[in-house]
Amino acid sequence: MKLLEDYKRSLKMLEVEEILDLIFYRPLAFIFVKMIIGTNLTPNQITTTALLFGVVGSFLFYFNTPTALFTAAILFIIYDVLDCADGQLARIKKNGTPIGRVLDGLADYIVTTLAYLFIGIGFASNSDNPLLYWGLTIAAGLSNAVHSSILDFYRNRFLDYSLNRESILGDSLKEFQDMQDDLKDKKGHYYEKSILWVYLLYSKVQLKFSSSSLETEKKKYDAKDFYKKHKTIMHLWTYLGPTTELTFLIITAMFNRLDIYLIGIVTVGNLYMAVLYFFQNRINKSTKLAGQI
């Protein structure tokens, strides 16, 4: 019973979790966390280790051989398990830090960017149509970034209403801006300063990407009606998440078919996003406004 309670405590809300995280990566991560929970390992150290696996896995795409791609796929599985484990450890031990949250997010962006770069160099450049596949690689990379940003926006908005919390983007942006201002006049701390700079830049872009700030959205809808009407589409948005798309890359890499991955992200992925966006707007319009009887 305690084991199950610990596992539940290590998760976010089920509505915002990706299904592959719930049934594969997070259970493996939880086993790992239970093995190391009595040690001095910190979430940030696990994040850094995950980043190393992800970077090496990304680099292997440069060689574009079946063995290299299969090895990259295995390293990406380990990377994703560790990427889940850092947050689970932080939630169980309650020892997460603001910098740790930022580092965890940046690790995903670094690994994803390098993966597309080396797919371009290794696969696209050596294909029978380099121009076409470089175009697909760039388009898939941009699509992946858009999918991730949109999921972040709708996930944070859903959590704001469901947990009755302030806008995480607006609130966290101020928190990290204060941290950056505090470190500005201090010598050293170059690691923390660089991480904060990149995170704040990304967060400001994400706020501009949305049609309105999450703080404005917070005041717009009735919280109970929002949860009731948005929980299903929130789950559907998670299929555009980083774990789902990384798993698609892992499978296609194992079978040496990166072309299927690139074409799938650009076509099926974006079509799926467009359909969800259409229904999301319809659901928004049908949601009861705050204060409405």
C-alpha atoms as a PDB file:
ATOM      1  CA  MET A   1       0.000   0.000   0.000  1.00  0.00           C
ATOM      2  CA  LYS A   2       2.799   2.411   0.937  1.00  0.00           C
ATOM      3  CA  LEU A   3       4.572   1.611  -2.332  1.00  0.00           C
ATOM      4  CA  LEU A   4       1.449   2.535  -4.307  1.00  0.00           C
ATOM      5  CA  GLU A   5       1.019   5.735  -2.298  1.00  0.00           C
ATOM      6  CA  ASP A   6       4.645   6.682  -2.957  1.00  0.00           C
ATOM      7  CA  TYR A   7       4.156   6.060  -6.675  1.00  0.00           C
ATOM      8  CA  LYS A   8       1.020   8.213  -6.801  1.00  0.00           C
ATOM      9  CA  ARG A   9       2.858  10.936  -4.891  1.00  0.00           C
ATOM     10  CA  SER A  10       5.593  10.869  -7.535  1.00  0.00           C
ATOM     11  CA  LEU A  11       3.129  11.656 -10.354  1.00  0.00           C
ATOM     12  CA  LYS A  12       1.468  14.807 -11.623  1.00  0.00           C
ATOM     13  CA  MET A  13      -2.291  14.858 -12.269  1.00  0.00           C
ATOM     14  CA  LEU A  14      -3.220  11.866 -14.426  1.00  0.00           C
ATOM     15  CA  GLU A  15      -5.043  14.089 -16.925  1.00  0.00           C
ATOM     16  CA  VAL A  16      -1.791  15.848 -17.878  1.00  0.00           C
ATOM     17  CA  GLU A  17       0.471  12.779 -17.895  1.00  0.00           C
ATOM     18  CA  GLU A  18       1.448  11.157 -21.187  1.00  0.00           C
ATOM     19  CA  ILE A  19       0.140   7.597 -21.423  1.00  0.00           C
ATOM     20  CA  LEU A  20       3.571   6.169 -22.288  1.00  0.00           C
ATOM     21  CA  ASP A  21       5.004   7.822 -19.188  1.00  0.00           C
ATOM     22  CA  LEU A  22       2.323   6.213 -17.021  1.00  0.00           C
ATOM     23  CA  ILE A  23       2.608   2.685 -18.408  1.00  0.00           C
ATOM     24  CA  PHE A  24       6.340   2.455 -19.174  1.00  0.00           C
ATOM     25  CA  TYR A  25       8.813   5.217 -18.321  1.00  0.00           C
ATOM     26  CA  ARG A  26       7.514   6.336 -14.919  1.00  0.00           C
ATOM     27  CA  PRO A  27       7.150   2.802 -13.476  1.00  0.00           C
ATOM     28  CA  LEU A  28      10.766   2.094 -14.470  1.00  0.00           C
ATOM     29  CA  ALA A  29      11.814   5.468 -13.090  1.00  0.00           C
ATOM     30  CA  PHE A  30       9.981   4.769  -9.834  1.00  0.00           C
ATOM     31  CA  ILE A  31      11.833   1.462  -9.395  1.00  0.00           C
ATOM     32  CA  PHE A  32      15.106   3.332  -9.936  1.00  0.00           C
ATOM     33  CA  VAL A  33      14.086   6.051  -7.450  1.00  0.00           C
ATOM     34  CA  LYS A  34      13.229   3.462  -4.778  1.00  0.00           C
ATOM     35  CA  MET A  35      16.675   1.920  -5.309  1.00  0.00           C
ATOM     36  CA  ILE A  36      18.534   5.206  -4.792  1.00  0.00           C
ATOM     37  CA  ILE A  37      16.214   7.041  -2.408  1.00  0.00           C
ATOM     38  CA  GLY A  38      18.463   6.239   0.569  1.00  0.00           C
ATOM     39  CA  THR A  39      21.546   7.669  -1.138  1.00  0.00           C
ATOM     40  CA  ASN A  40      22.771  11.244  -1.429  1.00  0.00           C
ATOM     41  CA  LEU A  41      21.892  11.463  -5.123  1.00  0.00           C
ATOM     42  CA  THR A  42      19.974  14.653  -5.888  1.00  0.00           C
ATOM     43  CA  PRO A  43      17.396  15.322  -8.619  1.00  0.00           C
ATOM     44  CA  ASN A  44      19.847  17.704 -10.317  1.00  0.00           C
ATOM     45  CA  GLN A  45      22.509  14.978 -10.484  1.00  0.00           C
ATOM     46  CA  ILE A  46      20.000  12.611 -12.081  1.00  0.00           C
ATOM     47  CA  THR A  47      19.023  15.317 -14.580  1.00  0.00           C
ATOM     48  CA  THR A  48      22.675  15.834 -15.493  1.00  0.00           C
ATOM     49  CA  THR A  49      23.172  12.077 -15.939  1.00  0.00           C
ATOM     50  CA  ALA A  50      20.061  11.896 -18.117  1.00  0.00           C
ATOM     51  CA  LEU A  51      21.403  14.764 -20.208  1.00  0.00           C
ATOM     52  CA  LEU A  52      24.657  12.864 -20.821  1.00  0.00           C
ATOM     53  CA  PHE A  53      22.761   9.795 -22.065  1.00  0.00           C
ATOM     54  CA  GLY A  54      20.607  12.007 -24.284  1.00  0.00           C
ATOM     55  CA  VAL A  55      23.550  13.893 -25.763  1.00  0.00           C
ATOM     56  CA  VAL A  56      25.461  10.688 -26.566  1.00  0.00           C
ATOM     57  CA  GLY A  57      22.312   9.156 -28.049  1.00  0.00           C
ATOM     58  CA  SER A  58      21.785  12.233 -30.217  1.00  0.00           C
ATOM     59  CA  PHE A  59      25.383  12.157 -31.438  1.00  0.00           C
ATOM     60  CA  LEU A  60      25.018   8.545 -32.595  1.00  0.00           C
ATOM     61  CA  PHE A  61      22.576   9.720 -35.285  1.00  0.00           C
ATOM     62  CA  TYR A  62      25.628  11.239 -36.971  1.00  0.00           C
ATOM     63  CA  PHE A  63      26.860   7.762 -37.976  1.00  0.00           C
ATOM     64  CA  ASN A  64      23.510   6.704 -39.496  1.00  0.00           C
ATOM     65  CA  THR A  65      24.197   2.963 -39.285  1.00  0.00           C
ATOM     66  CA  PRO A  66      21.698   0.371 -38.022  1.00  0.00           C
ATOM     67  CA  THR A  67      23.901  -0.390 -35.010  1.00  0.00           C
ATOM     68  CA  ALA A  68      24.374   3.278 -34.135  1.00  0.00           C
ATOM     69  CA  LEU A  69      20.659   4.016 -34.485  1.00  0.00           C
ATOM     70  CA  PHE A  70      19.669   1.022 -32.357  1.00  0.00           C
ATOM     71  CA  THR A  71      22.165   2.053 -29.678  1.00  0.00           C
ATOM     72  CA  ALA A  72      20.852   5.615 -29.808  1.00  0.00           C
ATOM     73  CA  ALA A  73      17.334   4.270 -29.254  1.00  0.00           C
ATOM     74  CA  ILE A  74      18.429   2.349 -26.145  1.00  0.00           C
ATOM     75  CA  LEU A  75      20.228   5.419 -24.764  1.00  0.00           C
ATOM     76  CA  PHE A  76      17.106   7.505 -25.360  1.00  0.00           C
ATOM     77  CA  ILE A  77      15.033   5.012 -23.352  1.00  0.00           C
ATOM     78  CA  ILE A  78      17.489   5.366 -20.458  1.00  0.00           C
ATOM     79  CA  TYR A  79      17.431   9.140 -20.914  1.00  0.00           C
ATOM     80  CA  ASP A  80      13.636   9.286 -20.693  1.00  0.00           C
ATOM     81  CA  VAL A  81      13.521   7.017 -17.634  1.00  0.00           C
ATOM     82  CA  LEU A  82      16.048   9.228 -15.839  1.00  0.00           C
ATOM     83  CA  ASP A  83      14.214  12.320 -17.053  1.00  0.00           C
ATOM     84  CA  CYS A  84      11.137  11.009 -15.230  1.00  0.00           C
ATOM     85  CA  ALA A  85      13.140   9.905 -12.189  1.00  0.00           C
ATOM     86  CA  ASP A  86      14.511  13.350 -11.305  1.00  0.00           C
ATOM     87  CA  GLY A  87      11.042  14.830 -10.861  1.00  0.00           C
ATOM     88  CA  GLN A  88       9.746  11.756  -9.039  1.00  0.00           C
ATOM     89  CA  LEU A  89      12.643  11.892  -6.573  1.00  0.00           C
ATOM     90  CA  ALA A  90      12.072  15.608  -6.012  1.00  0.00           C
ATOM     91  CA  ARG A  91       8.354  15.088  -5.336  1.00  0.00           C
ATOM     92  CA  ILE A  92       8.902  12.126  -2.968  1.00  0.00           C
ATOM     93  CA  LYS A  93      11.773  13.709  -0.987  1.00  0.00           C
ATOM     94  CA  LYS A  94      10.433  17.256  -1.408  1.00  0.00           C
ATOM     95  CA  ASN A  95      13.937  18.460  -2.270  1.00  0.00           C
ATOM     96  CA  GLY A  96      13.331  20.011  -5.677  1.00  0.00           C
ATOM     97  CA  THR A  97      14.784  23.433  -6.439  1.00  0.00           C
ATOM     98  CA  PRO A  98      13.793  26.211  -8.874  1.00  0.00           C
ATOM     99  CA  ILE A  99      17.083  25.757 -10.735  1.00  0.00           C
ATOM    100  CA  GLY A 100      16.370  22.030 -10.910  1.00  0.00           C
ATOM    101  CA  ARG A 101      13.034  22.646 -12.618  1.00  0.00           C
ATOM    102  CA  VAL A 102      14.731  24.889 -15.148  1.00  0.00           C
ATOM    103  CA  LEU A 103      17.588  22.429 -15.732  1.00  0.00           C
ATOM    104  CA  ASP A 104      15.109  19.608 -16.319  1.00  0.00           C
ATOM    105  CA  GLY A 105      13.353  21.624 -19.016  1.00  0.00           C
ATOM    106  CA  LEU A 106      16.584  22.748 -20.661  1.00  0.00           C
ATOM    107  CA  ALA A 107      17.856  19.161 -20.825  1.00  0.00           C
ATOM    108  CA  ASP A 108      14.875  18.271 -23.013  1.00  0.00           C
ATOM    109  CA  TYR A 109      15.546  21.191 -25.369  1.00  0.00           C
ATOM    110  CA  ILE A 110      19.265  20.406 -25.627  1.00  0.00           C
ATOM    111  CA  VAL A 111      18.734  16.706 -26.387  1.00  0.00           C
ATOM    112  CA  THR A 112      15.938  17.377 -28.882  1.00  0.00           C
ATOM    113  CA  THR A 113      17.917  20.071 -30.710  1.00  0.00           C
ATOM    114  CA  LEU A 114      21.024  17.883 -30.961  1.00  0.00           C
ATOM    115  CA  ALA A 115      18.961  14.904 -32.130  1.00  0.00           C
ATOM    116  CA  TYR A 116      17.546  16.863 -35.067  1.00  0.00           C
ATOM    117  CA  LEU A 117      20.946  18.367 -35.872  1.00  0.00           C
ATOM    118  CA  PHE A 118      22.639  14.964 -36.095  1.00  0.00           C
ATOM    119  CA  ILE A 119      19.672  13.411 -37.918  1.00  0.00           C
ATOM    120  CA  GLY A 120      20.184  16.123 -40.510  1.00  0.00           C
ATOM    121  CA  ILE A 121      23.941  15.594 -40.739  1.00  0.00           C
ATOM    122  CA  GLY A 122      23.859  11.793 -40.594  1.00  0.00           C
ATOM    123  CA  PHE A 123      20.609  10.828 -42.284  1.00  0.00           C
ATOM    124  CA  ALA A 124      19.434  13.729 -44.460  1.00  0.00           C
ATOM    125  CA  SER A 125      22.873  14.555 -45.900  1.00  0.00           C
ATOM    126  CA  ASN A 126      23.427  10.932 -46.923  1.00  0.00           C
ATOM    127  CA  SER A 127      19.936  10.241 -48.274  1.00  0.00           C
ATOM    128  CA  ASP A 128      19.052   9.982 -51.958  1.00  0.00           C
ATOM    129  CA  ASN A 129      17.469  13.456 -51.737  1.00  0.00           C
ATOM    130  CA  PRO A 130      19.411  15.577 -49.201  1.00  0.00           C
ATOM    131  CA  LEU A 131      17.479  18.783 -49.906  1.00  0.00           C
ATOM    132  CA  LEU A 132      14.109  17.110 -49.311  1.00  0.00           C
ATOM    133  CA  TYR A 133      15.161  15.341 -46.132  1.00  0.00           C
ATOM    134  CA  TRP A 134      16.957  18.374 -44.709  1.00  0.00           C
ATOM    135  CA  GLY A 135      13.721  20.270 -45.284  1.00  0.00           C
ATOM    136  CA  LEU A 136      11.772  17.519 -43.523  1.00  0.00           C
ATOM    137  CA  THR A 137      14.284  17.476 -40.654  1.00  0.00           C
ATOM    138  CA  ILE A 138      13.964  21.225 -40.113  1.00  0.00           C
ATOM    139  CA  ALA A 139      10.175  21.078 -40.458  1.00  0.00           C
ATOM    140  CA  ALA A 140       9.972  18.174 -37.996  1.00  0.00           C
ATOM    141  CA  GLY A 141      12.201  19.988 -35.509  1.00  0.00           C
ATOM    142  CA  LEU A 142      10.087  23.143 -35.692  1.00  0.00           C
ATOM    143  CA  SER A 143       6.903  21.072 -35.447  1.00  0.00           C
ATOM    144  CA  ASN A 144       8.252  19.301 -32.388  1.00  0.00           C
ATOM    145  CA  ALA A 145       8.988  22.660 -30.736  1.00  0.00           C
ATOM    146  CA  VAL A 146       5.496  23.973 -31.519  1.00  0.00           C
ATOM    147  CA  HIS A 147       3.845  20.791 -30.232  1.00  0.00           C
ATOM    148  CA  SER A 148       5.814  21.004 -26.990  1.00  0.00           C
ATOM    149  CA  SER A 149       5.006  24.697 -26.480  1.00  0.00           C
ATOM    150  CA  ILE A 150       1.288  24.214 -27.114  1.00  0.00           C
ATOM    151  CA  LEU A 151       1.152  21.239 -24.751  1.00  0.00           C
ATOM    152  CA  ASP A 152       2.971  23.264 -22.069  1.00  0.00           C
ATOM    153  CA  PHE A 153       0.453  26.077 -22.463  1.00  0.00           C
ATOM    154  CA  TYR A 154      -2.672  23.905 -22.216  1.00  0.00           C
ATOM    155  CA  ARG A 155      -1.191  21.715 -19.471  1.00  0.00           C
ATOM    156  CA  ASN A 156      -0.306  24.726 -17.309  1.00  0.00           C
ATOM    157  CA  ARG A 157      -3.695  26.311 -17.932  1.00  0.00           C
ATOM    158  CA  PHE A 158      -5.474  23.071 -16.993  1.00  0.00           C
ATOM    159  CA  LEU A 159      -3.424  22.744 -13.797  1.00  0.00           C
ATOM    160  CA  ASP A 160      -4.097  26.379 -12.892  1.00  0.00           C
ATOM    161  CA  TYR A 161      -7.843  25.736 -12.898  1.00  0.00           C
ATOM    162  CA  SER A 162      -7.762  22.217 -11.466  1.00  0.00           C
ATOM    163  CA  LEU A 163      -5.418  23.052  -8.584  1.00  0.00           C
ATOM    164  CA  ASN A 164      -6.795  26.568  -8.075  1.00  0.00           C
ATOM    165  CA  ARG A 165      -3.318  28.041  -8.408  1.00  0.00           C
ATOM    166  CA  GLU A 166      -1.979  31.229  -9.831  1.00  0.00           C
ATOM    167  CA  SER A 167      -0.695  31.223 -13.392  1.00  0.00           C
ATOM    168  CA  ILE A 168       2.501  29.205 -13.324  1.00  0.00           C
ATOM    169  CA  LEU A 169       4.070  31.071 -16.222  1.00  0.00           C
ATOM    170  CA  GLY A 170       3.346  34.536 -14.921  1.00  0.00           C
ATOM    171  CA  ASP A 171       4.133  33.620 -11.328  1.00  0.00           C
ATOM    172  CA  SER A 172       7.263  31.593 -12.107  1.00  0.00           C
ATOM    173  CA  LEU A 173       8.492  34.200 -14.551  1.00  0.00           C
ATOM    174  CA  LYS A 174       8.581  36.766 -11.761  1.00  0.00           C
ATOM    175  CA  GLU A 175      10.179  34.262  -9.378  1.00  0.00           C
ATOM    176  CA  PHE A 176      13.004  33.459 -11.797  1.00  0.00           C
ATOM    177  CA  GLN A 177      13.377  37.087 -12.850  1.00  0.00           C
ATOM    178  CA  ASP A 178      13.935  37.957  -9.169  1.00  0.00           C
ATOM    179  CA  MET A 179      16.521  35.176  -8.920  1.00  0.00           C
ATOM    180  CA  GLN A 180      18.301  36.509 -12.009  1.00  0.00           C
ATOM    181  CA  ASP A 181      18.316  40.048 -10.588  1.00  0.00           C
ATOM    182  CA  ASP A 182      19.674  38.726  -7.293  1.00  0.00           C
ATOM    183  CA  LEU A 183      22.551  36.917  -9.042  1.00  0.00           C
ATOM    184  CA  LYS A 184      23.320  39.741 -11.454  1.00  0.00           C
ATOM    185  CA  ASP A 185      25.705  41.617  -9.159  1.00  0.00           C
ATOM    186  CA  LYS A 186      27.246  38.513  -7.610  1.00  0.00           C
ATOM    187  CA  LYS A 187      30.562  37.150  -8.820  1.00  0.00           C
ATOM    188  CA  GLY A 188      30.588  33.648 -10.255  1.00  0.00           C
ATOM    189  CA  HIS A 189      27.356  31.638 -10.412  1.00  0.00           C
ATOM    190  CA  TYR A 190      27.848  31.469 -14.189  1.00  0.00           C
ATOM    191  CA  TYR A 191      26.084  28.096 -14.396  1.00  0.00           C
ATOM    192  CA  GLU A 192      22.943  29.353 -12.649  1.00  0.00           C
ATOM    193  CA  LYS A 193      23.029  32.653 -14.557  1.00  0.00           C
ATOM    194  CA  SER A 194      23.192  30.954 -17.959  1.00  0.00           C
ATOM    195  CA  ILE A 195      20.383  28.521 -17.115  1.00  0.00           C
ATOM    196  CA  LEU A 196      18.133  31.330 -15.871  1.00  0.00           C
ATOM    197  CA  TRP A 197      18.842  33.459 -18.945  1.00  0.00           C
ATOM    198  CA  VAL A 198      17.838  30.688 -21.350  1.00  0.00           C
ATOM    199  CA  TYR A 199      14.758  29.757 -19.335  1.00  0.00           C
ATOM    200  CA  LEU A 200      13.499  33.345 -19.075  1.00  0.00           C
ATOM    201  CA  LEU A 201      13.997  33.836 -22.804  1.00  0.00           C
ATOM    202  CA  TYR A 202      11.957  30.697 -23.561  1.00  0.00           C
ATOM    203  CA  SER A 203       9.214  31.617 -21.080  1.00  0.00           C
ATOM    204  CA  LYS A 204       8.797  35.110 -22.516  1.00  0.00           C
ATOM    205  CA  VAL A 205       8.495  33.680 -26.023  1.00  0.00           C
ATOM    206  CA  GLN A 206       5.913  31.165 -24.783  1.00  0.00           C
ATOM    207  CA  LEU A 207       3.840  33.931 -23.185  1.00  0.00           C
ATOM    208  CA  LYS A 208       3.873  35.882 -26.440  1.00  0.00           C
ATOM    209  CA  PHE A 209       2.917  32.714 -28.337  1.00  0.00           C
ATOM    210  CA  SER A 210      -0.372  32.411 -26.458  1.00  0.00           C
ATOM    211  CA  SER A 211      -3.266  34.663 -27.422  1.00  0.00           C
ATOM    212  CA  SER A 212      -3.622  35.822 -23.830  1.00  0.00           C
ATOM    213  CA  SER A 213      -1.653  35.387 -20.640  1.00  0.00           C
ATOM    214  CA  LEU A 214      -2.503  32.559 -18.287  1.00  0.00           C
ATOM    215  CA  GLU A 215      -3.270  35.141 -15.621  1.00  0.00           C
ATOM    216  CA  THR A 216      -6.042  36.539 -17.821  1.00  0.00           C
ATOM    217  CA  GLU A 217      -7.293  33.014 -18.559  1.00  0.00           C
ATOM    218  CA  LYS A 218      -7.353  32.297 -14.825  1.00  0.00           C
ATOM    219  CA  LYS A 219     -10.037  34.924 -14.330  1.00  0.00           C
ATOM    220  CA  LYS A 220     -12.047  34.011 -17.405  1.00  0.00           C
ATOM    221  CA  TYR A 221     -13.700  30.636 -16.777  1.00  0.00           C
ATOM    222  CA  ASP A 222     -15.575  28.865 -14.010  1.00  0.00           C
ATOM    223  CA  ALA A 223     -13.072  26.413 -12.499  1.00  0.00           C
ATOM    224  CA  LYS A 224     -15.439  23.439 -12.013  1.00  0.00           C
ATOM    225  CA  ASP A 225     -16.958  23.740 -15.478  1.00  0.00           C
ATOM    226  CA  PHE A 226     -13.489  24.170 -16.974  1.00  0.00           C
ATOM    227  CA  TYR A 227     -12.235  20.928 -15.423  1.00  0.00           C
ATOM    228  CA  LYS A 228     -15.326  18.997 -16.481  1.00  0.00           C
ATOM    229  CA  LYS A 229     -15.242  20.138 -20.112  1.00  0.00           C
ATOM    230  CA  HIS A 230     -11.477  20.252 -20.685  1.00  0.00           C
ATOM    231  CA  LYS A 231     -10.185  17.076 -19.009  1.00  0.00           C
ATOM    232  CA  THR A 232     -10.701  14.879 -22.087  1.00  0.00           C
ATOM    233  CA  ILE A 233      -9.112  17.223 -24.600  1.00  0.00           C
ATOM    234  CA  MET A 234      -6.296  17.853 -22.127  1.00  0.00           C
ATOM    235  CA  HIS A 235      -5.521  14.152 -22.251  1.00  0.00           C
ATOM    236  CA  LEU A 236      -5.654  14.213 -26.055  1.00  0.00           C
ATOM    237  CA  TRP A 237      -3.138  17.086 -26.137  1.00  0.00           C
ATOM    238  CA  THR A 238      -0.626  14.899 -24.278  1.00  0.00           C
ATOM    239  CA  TYR A 239      -0.243  12.702 -27.376  1.00  0.00           C
ATOM    240  CA  LEU A 240       1.758  15.588 -28.848  1.00  0.00           C
ATOM    241  CA  GLY A 241       4.058  15.460 -25.841  1.00  0.00           C
ATOM    242  CA  PRO A 242       7.830  14.984 -25.841  1.00  0.00           C
ATOM    243  CA  THR A 243       7.665  11.425 -24.504  1.00  0.00           C
ATOM    244  CA  THR A 244       5.252  10.287 -27.216  1.00  0.00           C
ATOM    245  CA  GLU A 245       7.281  11.863 -30.007  1.00  0.00           C
ATOM    246  CA  LEU A 246      10.572  10.631 -28.533  1.00  0.00           C
ATOM    247  CA  THR A 247       9.154   7.102 -28.371  1.00  0.00           C
ATOM    248  CA  PHE A 248       8.155   7.393 -32.021  1.00  0.00           C
ATOM    249  CA  LEU A 249      11.768   8.362 -32.772  1.00  0.00           C
ATOM    250  CA  ILE A 250      13.059   5.445 -30.686  1.00  0.00           C
ATOM    251  CA  ILE A 251      10.928   2.911 -32.576  1.00  0.00           C
ATOM    252  CA  THR A 252      11.788   4.248 -36.034  1.00  0.00           C
ATOM    253  CA  ALA A 253      15.489   4.421 -35.123  1.00  0.00           C
ATOM    254  CA  MET A 254      15.435   0.777 -34.031  1.00  0.00           C
ATOM    255  CA  PHE A 255      14.117  -0.175 -37.473  1.00  0.00           C
ATOM    256  CA  ASN A 256      16.415   2.258 -39.321  1.00  0.00           C
ATOM    257  CA  ARG A 257      13.446   4.225 -40.702  1.00  0.00           C
ATOM    258  CA  LEU A 258      14.054   7.836 -39.710  1.00  0.00           C
ATOM    259  CA  ASP A 259      12.205   8.881 -42.863  1.00  0.00           C
ATOM    260  CA  ILE A 260       8.975   7.554 -41.350  1.00  0.00           C
ATOM    261  CA  TYR A 261       9.613   9.584 -38.207  1.00  0.00           C
ATOM    262  CA  LEU A 262      10.221  12.860 -40.053  1.00  0.00           C
ATOM    263  CA  ILE A 263       7.254  12.453 -42.388  1.00  0.00           C
ATOM    264  CA  GLY A 264       5.002  11.344 -39.527  1.00  0.00           C
ATOM    265  CA  ILE A 265       5.800  14.341 -37.308  1.00  0.00           C
ATOM    266  CA  VAL A 266       5.336  16.838 -40.143  1.00  0.00           C
ATOM    267  CA  THR A 267       2.110  15.344 -41.534  1.00  0.00           C
ATOM    268  CA  VAL A 268       0.209  13.302 -38.939  1.00  0.00           C
ATOM    269  CA  GLY A 269       1.516  15.299 -35.990  1.00  0.00           C
ATOM    270  CA  ASN A 270       0.539  18.681 -37.404  1.00  0.00           C
ATOM    271  CA  LEU A 271      -2.811  17.448 -38.726  1.00  0.00           C
ATOM    272  CA  TYR A 272      -3.599  16.055 -35.269  1.00  0.00           C
ATOM    273  CA  MET A 273      -2.621  19.403 -33.707  1.00  0.00           C
ATOM    274  CA  ALA A 274      -4.875  21.330 -36.103  1.00  0.00           C
ATOM    275  CA  VAL A 275      -7.866  19.079 -35.351  1.00  0.00           C
ATOM    276  CA  LEU A 276      -7.343  19.419 -31.597  1.00  0.00           C
ATOM    277  CA  TYR A 277      -6.994  23.192 -31.886  1.00  0.00           C
ATOM    278  CA  PHE A 278     -10.332  23.357 -33.722  1.00  0.00           C
ATOM    279  CA  PHE A 279     -12.140  21.395 -31.001  1.00  0.00           C
ATOM    280  CA  GLN A 280     -10.272  23.261 -28.255  1.00  0.00           C
ATOM    281  CA  ASN A 281     -11.736  26.547 -29.486  1.00  0.00           C
ATOM    282  CA  ARG A 282     -15.234  25.041 -29.550  1.00  0.00           C
ATOM    283  CA  ILE A 283     -14.809  23.798 -25.985  1.00  0.00           C
ATOM    284  CA  ASN A 284     -13.489  27.200 -24.868  1.00  0.00           C
ATOM    285  CA  LYS A 285     -16.622  28.877 -26.231  1.00  0.00           C
ATOM    286  CA  SER A 286     -18.898  26.394 -24.443  1.00  0.00           C
ATOM    287  CA  THR A 287     -17.161  26.742 -21.063  1.00  0.00           C
ATOM    288  CA  LYS A 288     -19.031  28.702 -18.410  1.00  0.00           C
ATOM    289  CA  LEU A 289     -17.454  32.075 -17.635  1.00  0.00           C
ATOM    290  CA  ALA A 290     -16.337  32.932 -14.115  1.00  0.00           C
ATOM    291  CA  GLY A 291     -19.241  34.331 -12.098  1.00  0.00           C
ATOM    292  CA  GLN A 292     -21.798  33.128 -14.626  1.00  0.00           C
ATOM    293  CA  ILE A 293     -24.853  31.448 -13.101  1.00  0.00           C
END
